[in-house]
Amino acid sequence: MTRFLAHILPLLVLGSAHAADIHDAPISETVNWVGIIIFLVIMVGGTVGFFWRIMQKDKKTKQDDQKLKA
């Protein structure tokens, strides 16, 4: 671990020395609605798909348990 830190520490110091100053980006006057809609479709679709998959798997597990009991 000390050898790893001995190699990584100078690299971090060197990288921070050459880092550019951060300037605040200007506030956008327009909103990119296409990006927002795409994000919402992916986020909501992924969430719904995730819970649907969990419900299907739980349903299958309950059916398998019933078959084992019978």
Protein backbone atom coordinates (compact mmCIF):
# COMPACT_ATOMS: atom_id res chain seq x y z
CA MET A 1 0.00 0.00 0.00
CA THR A 2 2.82 2.39 0.81
CA ARG A 3 4.44 1.70 -2.55
CA PHE A 4 1.15 2.46 -4.27
CA LEU A 5 0.80 5.75 -2.39
CA ALA A 6 4.43 6.60 -3.08
CA HIS A 7 3.76 6.34 -6.82
CA ILE A 8 0.30 7.92 -6.86
CA LEU A 9 0.94 10.92 -4.60
CA PRO A 10 3.41 12.72 -6.91
CA LEU A 11 1.05 12.09 -9.82
CA LEU A 12 -1.83 13.75 -7.95
CA VAL A 13 0.34 16.73 -7.01
CA LEU A 14 1.55 17.09 -10.59
CA GLY A 15 -1.98 16.84 -11.92
CA SER A 16 -3.30 19.50 -9.56
CA ALA A 17 -0.43 21.82 -10.48
CA HIS A 18 -1.41 21.69 -14.15
CA ALA A 19 -5.16 21.91 -13.60
CA ALA A 20 -6.90 24.79 -15.30
CA ASP A 21 -8.76 27.38 -13.29
CA ILE A 22 -12.45 26.64 -13.06
CA HIS A 23 -14.72 29.33 -14.35
CA ASP A 24 -18.45 29.30 -13.79
CA ALA A 25 -20.31 28.42 -16.94
CA PRO A 26 -22.79 31.03 -18.07
CA ILE A 27 -26.40 30.29 -17.23
CA SER A 28 -28.21 28.91 -20.23
CA GLU A 29 -31.11 31.05 -21.39
CA THR A 30 -32.85 28.21 -23.18
CA VAL A 31 -33.74 24.75 -21.95
CA ASN A 32 -32.91 21.68 -23.99
CA TRP A 33 -36.30 19.95 -23.76
CA VAL A 34 -35.22 17.03 -25.93
CA GLY A 35 -32.52 16.09 -23.43
CA ILE A 36 -34.91 16.41 -20.51
CA ILE A 37 -37.54 14.25 -22.21
CA ILE A 38 -34.98 11.59 -23.15
CA PHE A 39 -33.69 11.56 -19.57
CA LEU A 40 -37.20 11.20 -18.15
CA VAL A 41 -38.11 8.41 -20.58
CA ILE A 42 -34.97 6.46 -19.70
CA MET A 43 -35.29 7.11 -15.96
CA VAL A 44 -39.01 6.33 -15.67
CA GLY A 45 -38.77 3.41 -18.12
CA GLY A 46 -35.84 1.92 -16.25
CA THR A 47 -37.58 2.29 -12.90
CA VAL A 48 -40.83 0.77 -14.14
CA GLY A 49 -38.95 -2.05 -15.87
CA PHE A 50 -36.95 -2.75 -12.72
CA PHE A 51 -40.03 -3.06 -10.52
CA TRP A 52 -41.90 -5.06 -13.17
CA ARG A 53 -39.00 -7.52 -13.32
CA ILE A 54 -38.95 -7.83 -9.53
CA MET A 55 -42.70 -8.51 -9.46
CA GLN A 56 -42.40 -11.15 -12.20
CA LYS A 57 -39.53 -12.87 -10.43
CA ASP A 58 -41.41 -12.81 -7.11
CA LYS A 59 -44.51 -14.23 -8.81
CA LYS A 60 -42.45 -17.06 -10.34
CA THR A 61 -40.81 -17.81 -6.97
CA LYS A 62 -44.22 -18.07 -5.28
CA GLN A 63 -45.45 -20.42 -8.02
CA ASP A 64 -42.34 -22.61 -7.63
CA ASP A 65 -42.84 -22.72 -3.86
CA GLN A 66 -46.46 -23.81 -4.30
CA LYS A 67 -45.40 -26.57 -6.69
CA LEU A 68 -42.84 -27.84 -4.16
CA LYS A 69 -45.44 -27.91 -1.36
CA ALA A 70 -47.95 -29.83 -3.50
